[in-house]
Amino acid sequence: MRIHFWAMRESGVYEASPSFREYYVKFIGHFVSVYERTAPPFAREAERWSANPDNIKKYYDDGNIMTDLIGLSHQQALRSLPKDEASSAGDWPYC
């Protein structure tokens, strides 16, 4: 998801169509659930991650590996989310 949002930023789509941004975050949050049912609550965090150039640099420096995610349990990851995002896990992206 992080790379999807990064690509949208780099392509200029977010700037060209700001109203598309929220739709796209929800679309990716929904679509990724086909592959990983626990992933949707993390879509907004992934979108925020893509906004920080330091994250992109670290990703490159680490050999294109997201080292901050390796070994992180689902519960640990949920605790890193804002409470409203973590608690809406069952309803999101439809809420």
N, C-alpha and C. Protein backbone atom coordinates (compact mmCIF):
# COMPACT_ATOMS: atom_id res chain seq x y z
N MET A 1 0.82 -1.18 0.00
CA MET A 1 0.00 0.00 0.00
C MET A 1 0.87 1.25 0.00
N ARG A 2 1.94 1.22 0.77
CA ARG A 2 2.82 2.38 0.83
C ARG A 2 3.31 2.77 -0.56
N ILE A 3 3.70 1.78 -1.33
CA ILE A 3 4.22 2.06 -2.67
C ILE A 3 3.13 2.57 -3.60
N HIS A 4 1.92 2.07 -3.46
CA HIS A 4 0.79 2.62 -4.24
C HIS A 4 0.64 4.11 -4.00
N PHE A 5 0.63 4.50 -2.73
CA PHE A 5 0.42 5.90 -2.40
C PHE A 5 1.63 6.75 -2.81
N TRP A 6 2.79 6.22 -2.68
CA TRP A 6 4.01 6.90 -3.12
C TRP A 6 3.93 7.15 -4.62
N ALA A 7 3.52 6.15 -5.38
CA ALA A 7 3.40 6.29 -6.83
C ALA A 7 2.37 7.37 -7.20
N MET A 8 1.27 7.41 -6.46
CA MET A 8 0.26 8.44 -6.73
C MET A 8 0.83 9.83 -6.49
N ARG A 9 1.61 9.97 -5.45
CA ARG A 9 2.23 11.27 -5.17
C ARG A 9 3.21 11.64 -6.28
N GLU A 10 4.09 10.70 -6.63
CA GLU A 10 5.11 10.97 -7.65
C GLU A 10 4.50 11.24 -9.02
N SER A 11 3.39 10.60 -9.32
CA SER A 11 2.78 10.77 -10.65
C SER A 11 2.07 12.12 -10.78
N GLY A 12 1.81 12.77 -9.64
CA GLY A 12 1.14 14.06 -9.68
C GLY A 12 -0.38 13.97 -9.64
N VAL A 13 -0.92 12.76 -9.52
CA VAL A 13 -2.38 12.60 -9.51
C VAL A 13 -2.99 13.27 -8.28
N TYR A 14 -2.35 13.16 -7.13
CA TYR A 14 -2.90 13.80 -5.93
C TYR A 14 -3.02 15.30 -6.12
N GLU A 15 -2.01 15.91 -6.72
CA GLU A 15 -2.05 17.35 -6.95
C GLU A 15 -3.08 17.73 -8.01
N ALA A 16 -3.17 16.92 -9.04
CA ALA A 16 -4.09 17.21 -10.15
C ALA A 16 -5.55 17.03 -9.74
N SER A 17 -5.81 16.10 -8.81
CA SER A 17 -7.18 15.82 -8.41
C SER A 17 -7.25 15.51 -6.91
N PRO A 18 -7.20 16.53 -6.07
CA PRO A 18 -7.25 16.31 -4.62
C PRO A 18 -8.48 15.52 -4.16
N SER A 19 -9.59 15.65 -4.84
CA SER A 19 -10.79 14.92 -4.43
C SER A 19 -10.65 13.42 -4.66
N PHE A 20 -9.74 13.04 -5.53
CA PHE A 20 -9.50 11.62 -5.80
C PHE A 20 -8.77 10.95 -4.65
N ARG A 21 -8.02 11.70 -3.89
CA ARG A 21 -7.15 11.15 -2.84
C ARG A 21 -7.90 10.28 -1.84
N GLU A 22 -8.95 10.79 -1.21
CA GLU A 22 -9.69 10.02 -0.21
C GLU A 22 -10.32 8.78 -0.83
N TYR A 23 -10.86 8.93 -2.03
CA TYR A 23 -11.43 7.77 -2.73
C TYR A 23 -10.35 6.71 -2.91
N TYR A 24 -9.17 7.11 -3.35
CA TYR A 24 -8.11 6.14 -3.64
C TYR A 24 -7.64 5.43 -2.38
N VAL A 25 -7.53 6.15 -1.27
CA VAL A 25 -7.13 5.51 -0.01
C VAL A 25 -8.16 4.43 0.36
N LYS A 26 -9.43 4.76 0.24
CA LYS A 26 -10.48 3.78 0.56
C LYS A 26 -10.49 2.62 -0.44
N PHE A 27 -10.26 2.93 -1.70
CA PHE A 27 -10.22 1.88 -2.72
C PHE A 27 -9.10 0.88 -2.43
N ILE A 28 -7.90 1.40 -2.16
CA ILE A 28 -6.78 0.52 -1.86
C ILE A 28 -7.05 -0.25 -0.57
N GLY A 29 -7.60 0.42 0.44
CA GLY A 29 -7.95 -0.27 1.69
C GLY A 29 -8.91 -1.42 1.47
N HIS A 30 -9.86 -1.23 0.58
CA HIS A 30 -10.82 -2.29 0.26
C HIS A 30 -10.16 -3.38 -0.59
N PHE A 31 -9.46 -2.98 -1.63
CA PHE A 31 -8.90 -3.94 -2.57
C PHE A 31 -7.86 -4.85 -1.91
N VAL A 32 -7.03 -4.28 -1.04
CA VAL A 32 -5.98 -5.08 -0.42
C VAL A 32 -6.57 -6.18 0.48
N SER A 33 -7.79 -5.98 0.94
CA SER A 33 -8.41 -7.00 1.81
C SER A 33 -8.62 -8.32 1.09
N VAL A 34 -8.61 -8.29 -0.23
CA VAL A 34 -8.70 -9.53 -1.00
C VAL A 34 -7.49 -10.41 -0.72
N TYR A 35 -6.35 -9.77 -0.50
CA TYR A 35 -5.09 -10.49 -0.28
C TYR A 35 -4.73 -10.63 1.19
N GLU A 36 -5.11 -9.65 2.00
CA GLU A 36 -4.80 -9.70 3.44
C GLU A 36 -5.92 -9.01 4.20
N ARG A 37 -6.76 -9.81 4.85
CA ARG A 37 -7.97 -9.29 5.48
C ARG A 37 -7.70 -8.32 6.64
N THR A 38 -6.50 -8.37 7.22
CA THR A 38 -6.19 -7.48 8.33
C THR A 38 -5.56 -6.15 7.89
N ALA A 39 -5.36 -5.96 6.61
CA ALA A 39 -4.63 -4.78 6.12
C ALA A 39 -5.43 -3.48 6.03
N PRO A 40 -6.74 -3.48 5.78
CA PRO A 40 -7.45 -2.21 5.56
C PRO A 40 -7.23 -1.11 6.59
N PRO A 41 -7.18 -1.37 7.89
CA PRO A 41 -6.99 -0.27 8.83
C PRO A 41 -5.66 0.47 8.66
N PHE A 42 -4.73 -0.14 7.95
CA PHE A 42 -3.40 0.44 7.79
C PHE A 42 -3.27 1.29 6.53
N ALA A 43 -4.32 1.42 5.76
CA ALA A 43 -4.25 2.18 4.51
C ALA A 43 -3.92 3.65 4.77
N ARG A 44 -4.57 4.24 5.74
CA ARG A 44 -4.30 5.66 6.01
C ARG A 44 -2.88 5.87 6.52
N GLU A 45 -2.39 4.94 7.34
CA GLU A 45 -1.01 5.04 7.81
C GLU A 45 -0.05 4.91 6.63
N ALA A 46 -0.34 4.01 5.73
CA ALA A 46 0.51 3.83 4.54
C ALA A 46 0.51 5.09 3.68
N GLU A 47 -0.64 5.73 3.59
CA GLU A 47 -0.74 6.97 2.82
C GLU A 47 0.07 8.08 3.50
N ARG A 48 0.02 8.14 4.82
CA ARG A 48 0.83 9.13 5.55
C ARG A 48 2.32 8.85 5.38
N TRP A 49 2.69 7.57 5.43
CA TRP A 49 4.10 7.18 5.27
C TRP A 49 4.64 7.71 3.96
N SER A 50 3.85 7.61 2.90
CA SER A 50 4.31 8.00 1.57
C SER A 50 4.53 9.51 1.44
N ALA A 51 4.02 10.29 2.38
CA ALA A 51 4.16 11.74 2.32
C ALA A 51 5.50 12.23 2.88
N ASN A 52 6.22 11.37 3.55
CA ASN A 52 7.45 11.78 4.22
C ASN A 52 8.68 11.37 3.39
N PRO A 53 9.39 12.32 2.82
CA PRO A 53 10.57 11.99 2.01
C PRO A 53 11.63 11.20 2.78
N ASP A 54 11.70 11.39 4.09
CA ASP A 54 12.66 10.61 4.89
C ASP A 54 12.34 9.13 4.85
N ASN A 55 11.06 8.78 4.79
CA ASN A 55 10.67 7.37 4.69
C ASN A 55 11.13 6.77 3.37
N ILE A 56 10.99 7.51 2.30
CA ILE A 56 11.40 7.03 0.98
C ILE A 56 12.92 6.83 0.97
N LYS A 57 13.65 7.80 1.52
CA LYS A 57 15.11 7.68 1.57
C LYS A 57 15.52 6.46 2.37
N LYS A 58 14.89 6.25 3.53
CA LYS A 58 15.22 5.08 4.36
C LYS A 58 14.92 3.79 3.61
N TYR A 59 13.81 3.76 2.90
CA TYR A 59 13.45 2.58 2.11
C TYR A 59 14.55 2.27 1.09
N TYR A 60 15.01 3.29 0.38
CA TYR A 60 16.11 3.09 -0.58
C TYR A 60 17.39 2.67 0.15
N ASP A 61 17.74 3.37 1.22
CA ASP A 61 18.97 3.08 1.96
C ASP A 61 18.97 1.67 2.52
N ASP A 62 17.79 1.15 2.85
CA ASP A 62 17.68 -0.21 3.40
C ASP A 62 17.55 -1.27 2.32
N GLY A 63 17.88 -0.93 1.10
CA GLY A 63 17.85 -1.91 0.01
C GLY A 63 16.45 -2.23 -0.46
N ASN A 64 15.56 -1.22 -0.44
CA ASN A 64 14.16 -1.39 -0.86
C ASN A 64 13.42 -2.41 0.00
N ILE A 65 13.73 -2.37 1.28
CA ILE A 65 13.06 -3.22 2.27
C ILE A 65 12.47 -2.30 3.34
N MET A 66 11.26 -2.55 3.72
CA MET A 66 10.61 -1.74 4.76
C MET A 66 10.92 -2.35 6.12
N THR A 67 12.11 -2.02 6.59
CA THR A 67 12.63 -2.64 7.81
C THR A 67 11.79 -2.33 9.04
N ASP A 68 11.02 -1.24 9.01
CA ASP A 68 10.19 -0.91 10.16
C ASP A 68 9.00 -1.85 10.30
N LEU A 69 8.72 -2.65 9.30
CA LEU A 69 7.59 -3.59 9.36
C LEU A 69 8.01 -5.03 9.66
N ILE A 70 9.27 -5.34 9.42
CA ILE A 70 9.74 -6.72 9.61
C ILE A 70 9.69 -7.09 11.08
N GLY A 71 9.03 -8.20 11.37
CA GLY A 71 8.95 -8.71 12.73
C GLY A 71 7.87 -8.06 13.59
N LEU A 72 7.13 -7.14 13.01
CA LEU A 72 6.07 -6.44 13.75
C LEU A 72 4.81 -7.31 13.75
N SER A 73 4.29 -7.59 14.93
CA SER A 73 3.06 -8.38 15.01
C SER A 73 1.86 -7.51 14.63
N HIS A 74 0.76 -8.14 14.33
CA HIS A 74 -0.46 -7.42 14.00
C HIS A 74 -0.89 -6.53 15.16
N GLN A 75 -0.83 -7.03 16.36
CA GLN A 75 -1.22 -6.25 17.53
C GLN A 75 -0.30 -5.05 17.76
N GLN A 76 1.00 -5.24 17.56
CA GLN A 76 1.93 -4.12 17.68
C GLN A 76 1.62 -3.06 16.63
N ALA A 77 1.35 -3.50 15.43
CA ALA A 77 1.03 -2.56 14.35
C ALA A 77 -0.25 -1.80 14.65
N LEU A 78 -1.27 -2.48 15.15
CA LEU A 78 -2.52 -1.80 15.50
C LEU A 78 -2.30 -0.74 16.57
N ARG A 79 -1.43 -1.03 17.54
CA ARG A 79 -1.16 -0.07 18.60
C ARG A 79 -0.46 1.19 18.07
N SER A 80 0.16 1.08 16.91
CA SER A 80 0.85 2.25 16.35
C SER A 80 -0.10 3.19 15.61
N LEU A 81 -1.33 2.75 15.36
CA LEU A 81 -2.32 3.56 14.66
C LEU A 81 -3.03 4.50 15.63
N PRO A 82 -3.53 5.63 15.11
CA PRO A 82 -4.43 6.44 15.94
C PRO A 82 -5.62 5.59 16.38
N LYS A 83 -6.12 5.81 17.58
CA LYS A 83 -7.18 4.97 18.14
C LYS A 83 -8.40 4.86 17.23
N ASP A 84 -8.80 5.96 16.59
CA ASP A 84 -9.99 5.90 15.74
C ASP A 84 -9.76 5.02 14.51
N GLU A 85 -8.54 4.93 14.02
CA GLU A 85 -8.26 4.06 12.88
C GLU A 85 -8.17 2.60 13.32
N ALA A 86 -7.57 2.34 14.44
CA ALA A 86 -7.42 0.97 14.93
C ALA A 86 -8.76 0.39 15.36
N SER A 87 -9.64 1.23 15.93
CA SER A 87 -10.91 0.72 16.45
C SER A 87 -11.96 0.54 15.35
N SER A 88 -11.75 1.11 14.18
CA SER A 88 -12.73 0.96 13.11
C SER A 88 -12.36 -0.15 12.14
N ALA A 89 -11.50 -1.06 12.59
CA ALA A 89 -10.96 -2.10 11.73
C ALA A 89 -12.04 -2.91 11.01
N GLY A 90 -13.15 -3.20 11.68
CA GLY A 90 -14.17 -4.01 11.05
C GLY A 90 -15.02 -3.28 10.03
N ASP A 91 -15.12 -1.96 10.16
CA ASP A 91 -15.98 -1.17 9.29
C ASP A 91 -15.23 -0.51 8.14
N TRP A 92 -13.99 -0.28 8.32
CA TRP A 92 -13.23 0.50 7.35
C TRP A 92 -12.97 -0.32 6.12
N PRO A 93 -13.06 0.17 4.94
CA PRO A 93 -13.08 1.56 4.51
C PRO A 93 -14.47 2.13 4.27
N TYR A 94 -15.49 1.49 4.78
CA TYR A 94 -16.86 1.92 4.46
C TYR A 94 -17.42 2.98 5.41
N CYS A 95 -16.70 3.25 6.49
CA CYS A 95 -17.24 4.22 7.45
C CYS A 95 -16.82 5.64 7.10
